[in-house]
Amino acid sequence: MKSKYGIGLILVAAILVTAGCGGGSTADPGSSSSSSSSSSVASASSSSSSSSSSSSAASSSSSSLLSATQYDVFKNSSLGLFAGAGAISAKTATSGTLSLGTDGSVVLNVTDPITYAMNASPFTILNRANSSAIMLCTSGGQSIYVGIASAASQVSAQATPVTTISGVASQKLYYTEACSYFAQGTGSEHQSLQHSASTQWISFDGSGNASFSDGSTLTAAQITSAMSGSTVSVHSETTRMTFYTLMDSGSPRLFIVSQSSTAGTVGLYVWN
């Protein structure tokens, strides 16, 4: 009898330990708040490991909060930097007031430090690289501003201008506008979570020559000229392209701000 009870206790303990284990996943921090997503945080197998996981999650979250202190701001109605805009004031760990120059200001607010959802009422917002690259759009679906963090409280959140052709070689980016991926020929895909087979793209070969999804091309010499501030013809439109590298998902990533004076638009090429 004593041996029998001992075996029973061992079996019960094994079942309890097994039941205490769990799992889950966290959402991609690059997702924008204009698209809804759900996430779950992995549960721990014991109270001690739960505390450790909570501390780790808090540390991860704190490194993903609003870090930018100054943005380079680009507007749909004028080429180049939008003068007088970009400073962040009234900054906290999760929010800050972004100056839009003569257009006033808007409060950027991180609403979920895990998924990195944000709002910027009355605009809808697309953000990448933990808000180091943002796009503000009207409720009607027009992108008005793109901001790239030119200064930040965390060095890793600060953009570096790309000024040489080697900085774009062998890379492919996908076009966003109106806070959404933009499809070739049909416009907004009405989502910013994942590019599709129809999303417009730009691809650079090893020498820096560019090709677009519609068959348009730019030579490496034209790209180099664009890096110096010259306009180029893209899709038969007069276009200003501004190139940056930002840390995203642990690696340096290329981002390109694209402004068309012909169409009066501002968009952003992103790696994901």
Protein backbone atom coordinates (compact mmCIF):
# COMPACT_ATOMS: atom_id res chain seq x y z
CA MET A 1 0.00 0.00 0.00
CA LYS A 2 2.76 2.43 0.88
CA SER A 3 4.48 1.81 -2.46
CA LYS A 4 1.17 2.21 -4.31
CA TYR A 5 0.45 5.59 -2.70
CA GLY A 6 4.00 6.76 -3.47
CA ILE A 7 3.51 6.03 -7.16
CA GLY A 8 0.16 7.87 -7.12
CA LEU A 9 1.71 10.97 -5.60
CA ILE A 10 4.46 11.00 -8.22
CA LEU A 11 1.87 10.77 -11.03
CA VAL A 12 -0.21 13.65 -9.57
CA ALA A 13 2.89 15.85 -9.22
CA ALA A 14 3.87 15.15 -12.84
CA ILE A 15 0.37 16.10 -14.05
CA LEU A 16 0.45 19.38 -12.05
CA VAL A 17 3.85 20.35 -13.47
CA THR A 18 2.69 19.57 -17.01
CA ALA A 19 -0.51 21.64 -16.55
CA GLY A 20 1.55 24.60 -15.34
CA CYS A 21 3.37 24.99 -18.67
CA GLY A 22 1.99 27.35 -21.37
CA GLY A 23 2.95 29.32 -24.47
CA GLY A 24 2.03 32.16 -26.78
CA SER A 25 3.42 34.79 -29.10
CA THR A 26 3.77 38.54 -29.34
CA ALA A 27 2.66 40.67 -32.26
CA ASP A 28 5.13 42.21 -34.71
CA PRO A 29 6.18 45.60 -33.24
CA GLY A 30 6.39 47.01 -36.74
CA SER A 31 2.62 46.83 -37.25
CA SER A 32 0.68 50.09 -37.56
CA SER A 33 -2.31 51.05 -35.45
CA SER A 34 -4.45 51.60 -38.52
CA SER A 35 -4.87 47.83 -38.73
CA SER A 36 -6.13 45.82 -35.79
CA SER A 37 -4.20 42.88 -34.45
CA SER A 38 -4.25 40.68 -31.37
CA SER A 39 -1.34 39.44 -29.33
CA SER A 40 -0.64 37.23 -26.35
CA VAL A 41 2.32 37.11 -24.02
CA ALA A 42 3.85 33.74 -23.29
CA SER A 43 2.87 32.44 -19.84
CA ALA A 44 5.56 31.12 -17.52
CA SER A 45 5.84 27.60 -16.16
CA SER A 46 6.35 28.70 -12.56
CA SER A 47 5.95 31.79 -10.38
CA SER A 48 9.69 32.48 -10.42
CA SER A 49 9.99 32.21 -14.21
CA SER A 50 6.79 34.30 -14.55
CA SER A 51 8.47 37.13 -12.65
CA SER A 52 11.53 36.80 -14.85
CA SER A 53 9.40 36.87 -18.00
CA SER A 54 7.53 39.96 -16.78
CA SER A 55 10.80 41.78 -16.12
CA SER A 56 12.09 40.79 -19.55
CA ALA A 57 8.86 41.95 -21.24
CA ALA A 58 9.01 45.27 -19.39
CA SER A 59 12.59 45.78 -20.48
CA SER A 60 11.68 44.96 -24.09
CA SER A 61 8.69 47.33 -23.96
CA SER A 62 10.69 50.21 -22.50
CA SER A 63 13.09 50.02 -25.43
CA SER A 64 10.16 50.24 -27.85
CA LEU A 65 8.45 53.38 -26.50
CA LEU A 66 8.48 56.77 -28.20
CA SER A 67 12.16 57.65 -28.52
CA ALA A 68 12.26 60.32 -31.27
CA THR A 69 13.01 63.86 -30.17
CA GLN A 70 13.12 65.35 -33.68
CA TYR A 71 11.70 64.22 -37.01
CA ASP A 72 12.54 65.14 -40.57
CA VAL A 73 9.02 65.93 -41.80
CA PHE A 74 7.94 65.67 -45.44
CA LYS A 75 4.59 66.95 -46.72
CA ASN A 76 2.50 65.93 -49.71
CA SER A 77 2.19 69.45 -51.08
CA SER A 78 5.87 70.47 -51.23
CA LEU A 79 9.13 68.76 -52.11
CA GLY A 80 11.90 68.31 -49.57
CA LEU A 81 11.77 68.93 -45.83
CA PHE A 82 8.75 70.78 -44.48
CA ALA A 83 10.30 73.88 -42.90
CA GLY A 84 9.80 74.49 -39.20
CA ALA A 85 8.29 71.07 -38.48
CA GLY A 86 9.54 68.03 -36.63
CA ALA A 87 10.37 69.02 -33.07
CA ILE A 88 8.93 66.89 -30.26
CA SER A 89 7.79 68.71 -27.12
CA ALA A 90 5.96 67.67 -23.94
CA LYS A 91 7.70 64.32 -24.32
CA THR A 92 7.02 61.40 -22.01
CA ALA A 93 8.04 57.75 -22.37
CA THR A 94 4.94 57.00 -24.42
CA SER A 95 3.88 60.29 -26.03
CA GLY A 96 5.04 63.62 -27.40
CA THR A 97 3.69 66.62 -29.28
CA LEU A 98 5.00 66.69 -32.85
CA SER A 99 5.32 70.14 -34.40
CA LEU A 100 3.88 70.38 -37.90
CA GLY A 101 5.27 73.87 -38.46
CA THR A 102 2.71 76.32 -39.82
CA ASP A 103 0.12 73.49 -39.78
CA GLY A 104 0.11 73.28 -35.98
CA SER A 105 0.92 70.10 -34.08
CA VAL A 106 -0.30 66.62 -33.24
CA VAL A 107 0.18 64.37 -30.21
CA LEU A 108 1.80 61.01 -30.94
CA ASN A 109 0.72 58.46 -28.38
CA VAL A 110 1.84 54.85 -27.94
CA THR A 111 -1.28 52.90 -26.97
CA ASP A 112 0.28 49.45 -26.72
CA PRO A 113 4.00 49.03 -25.98
CA ILE A 114 3.96 45.36 -27.04
CA THR A 115 2.37 45.62 -30.49
CA TYR A 116 3.51 49.25 -30.69
CA ALA A 117 0.09 50.51 -31.75
CA MET A 118 -0.10 54.32 -31.86
CA ASN A 119 -2.61 57.07 -32.42
CA ALA A 120 -2.26 60.69 -33.55
CA SER A 121 -5.80 62.06 -33.60
CA PRO A 122 -7.34 63.31 -35.88
CA PHE A 123 -5.00 61.41 -38.23
CA THR A 124 -4.68 57.72 -38.88
CA ILE A 125 -1.09 56.58 -38.56
CA LEU A 126 1.27 54.04 -40.05
CA ASN A 127 4.50 53.43 -38.16
CA ARG A 128 7.61 51.37 -38.75
CA ALA A 129 10.82 50.85 -36.79
CA ASN A 130 9.04 51.55 -33.48
CA SER A 131 7.84 55.00 -34.64
CA SER A 132 11.17 56.07 -36.10
CA ALA A 133 9.30 56.18 -39.42
CA ILE A 134 5.69 57.41 -39.37
CA MET A 135 3.00 58.46 -41.83
CA LEU A 136 0.01 60.63 -40.92
CA CYS A 137 -3.11 60.36 -43.06
CA THR A 138 -6.55 61.97 -43.19
CA SER A 139 -9.66 59.98 -42.40
CA GLY A 140 -10.36 60.11 -46.12
CA GLY A 141 -7.19 58.14 -46.82
CA GLN A 142 -4.73 60.78 -47.99
CA SER A 143 -1.18 60.75 -46.64
CA ILE A 144 -0.23 64.29 -45.60
CA TYR A 145 3.04 63.87 -43.67
CA VAL A 146 5.88 61.39 -43.41
CA GLY A 147 8.29 61.70 -40.49
CA ILE A 148 11.72 60.12 -40.07
CA ALA A 149 13.42 60.34 -36.65
CA SER A 150 16.52 62.48 -37.14
CA ALA A 151 17.27 62.61 -33.40
CA ALA A 152 16.25 60.28 -30.59
CA SER A 153 16.83 59.59 -26.92
CA GLN A 154 18.03 56.12 -27.98
CA VAL A 155 20.74 56.17 -30.63
CA SER A 156 19.38 52.99 -32.19
CA ALA A 157 16.10 54.80 -33.01
CA GLN A 158 17.82 57.59 -34.95
CA ALA A 159 17.93 57.55 -38.75
CA THR A 160 21.10 57.83 -40.79
CA PRO A 161 20.86 59.54 -44.22
CA VAL A 162 22.00 57.34 -47.09
CA THR A 163 24.26 59.30 -49.44
CA THR A 164 26.17 56.63 -51.37
CA ILE A 165 24.93 54.07 -53.88
CA SER A 166 26.28 51.17 -51.81
CA GLY A 167 23.59 51.97 -49.24
CA VAL A 168 20.80 50.83 -51.59
CA ALA A 169 22.48 48.04 -53.58
CA SER A 170 20.71 44.67 -53.74
CA GLN A 171 17.65 45.77 -51.74
CA LYS A 172 13.91 45.60 -52.42
CA LEU A 173 11.32 47.85 -50.81
CA TYR A 174 7.53 48.08 -50.90
CA TYR A 175 5.49 51.24 -51.36
CA THR A 176 3.06 52.64 -48.77
CA GLU A 177 0.76 55.61 -49.17
CA ALA A 178 -2.49 56.62 -47.46
CA CYS A 179 -1.25 54.61 -44.42
CA SER A 180 -1.53 51.40 -46.45
CA TYR A 181 0.40 49.26 -48.86
CA PHE A 182 -0.28 50.48 -52.39
CA ALA A 183 -1.10 48.03 -55.16
CA GLN A 184 0.07 48.41 -58.73
CA GLY A 185 -2.75 49.95 -60.77
CA THR A 186 -5.44 49.84 -58.07
CA GLY A 187 -4.08 52.01 -55.25
CA SER A 188 -4.61 51.47 -51.53
CA GLU A 189 -4.78 47.90 -50.26
CA HIS A 190 -6.44 49.23 -47.08
CA GLN A 191 -4.01 47.38 -44.84
CA SER A 192 -0.47 47.88 -43.61
CA LEU A 193 0.36 44.58 -41.95
CA GLN A 194 1.91 42.72 -44.87
CA HIS A 195 2.72 43.57 -48.48
CA SER A 196 0.99 41.44 -51.11
CA ALA A 197 1.94 40.11 -54.53
CA SER A 198 0.29 43.24 -56.00
CA THR A 199 2.12 45.82 -53.87
CA GLN A 200 4.23 48.35 -55.77
CA TRP A 201 7.94 47.89 -55.23
CA ILE A 202 11.37 49.25 -56.05
CA SER A 203 14.32 46.88 -56.45
CA PHE A 204 18.01 47.76 -56.67
CA ASP A 205 20.60 45.56 -58.32
CA GLY A 206 24.13 45.14 -56.99
CA SER A 207 25.27 48.32 -58.74
CA GLY A 208 22.40 50.44 -57.44
CA ASN A 209 20.33 50.59 -60.63
CA ALA A 210 16.63 50.67 -59.75
CA SER A 211 13.64 48.97 -61.32
CA PHE A 212 10.00 49.46 -60.38
CA SER A 213 7.05 47.07 -60.43
CA ASP A 214 5.51 48.93 -63.39
CA GLY A 215 8.65 48.52 -65.51
CA SER A 216 10.09 52.00 -64.86
CA THR A 217 13.83 52.22 -64.24
CA LEU A 218 16.42 54.59 -62.81
CA THR A 219 20.15 54.27 -63.32
CA ALA A 220 22.62 54.25 -60.45
CA ALA A 221 23.74 57.71 -61.63
CA GLN A 222 20.15 58.98 -61.31
CA ILE A 223 19.83 57.46 -57.86
CA THR A 224 23.08 59.13 -56.81
CA SER A 225 21.71 62.43 -58.13
CA ALA A 226 18.50 61.89 -56.16
CA MET A 227 20.54 61.37 -53.00
CA SER A 228 21.94 64.86 -53.54
CA GLY A 229 18.43 66.36 -53.67
CA SER A 230 17.71 66.34 -57.40
CA THR A 231 14.29 65.25 -58.64
CA VAL A 232 13.88 62.22 -60.88
CA SER A 233 11.08 61.00 -63.11
CA VAL A 234 9.26 58.03 -61.57
CA HIS A 235 6.05 56.72 -63.19
CA SER A 236 6.25 59.84 -65.41
CA GLU A 237 6.00 62.04 -62.32
CA THR A 238 8.51 64.57 -60.98
CA THR A 239 9.66 62.88 -57.78
CA ARG A 240 11.92 63.72 -54.86
CA MET A 241 13.40 60.68 -53.11
CA THR A 242 15.09 60.89 -49.70
CA PHE A 243 17.00 57.87 -48.40
CA TYR A 244 17.53 56.74 -44.79
CA THR A 245 18.73 53.74 -42.83
CA LEU A 246 16.92 52.84 -39.61
CA MET A 247 17.36 49.99 -37.18
CA ASP A 248 14.33 47.71 -37.40
CA SER A 249 13.94 44.15 -36.13
CA GLY A 250 17.55 44.23 -35.01
CA SER A 251 19.09 45.14 -38.38
CA PRO A 252 19.77 48.32 -40.38
CA ARG A 253 16.98 48.75 -42.94
CA LEU A 254 16.58 51.07 -45.91
CA PHE A 255 13.60 53.47 -46.04
CA ILE A 256 12.83 55.91 -48.85
CA VAL A 257 10.52 58.93 -48.64
CA SER A 258 8.93 59.58 -52.03
CA GLN A 259 7.27 62.91 -52.88
CA SER A 260 5.57 63.61 -56.22
CA SER A 261 4.98 67.22 -57.17
CA THR A 262 2.98 66.01 -60.16
CA ALA A 263 0.45 64.04 -58.12
CA GLY A 264 0.81 65.97 -54.85
CA THR A 265 1.52 62.83 -52.84
CA VAL A 266 3.95 61.67 -50.18
CA GLY A 267 4.72 57.99 -49.65
CA LEU A 268 7.23 55.73 -47.95
CA TYR A 269 9.08 52.69 -49.28
CA VAL A 270 9.55 50.13 -46.49
CA TRP A 271 11.45 46.86 -46.32
CA ASN A 272 8.54 44.88 -44.81
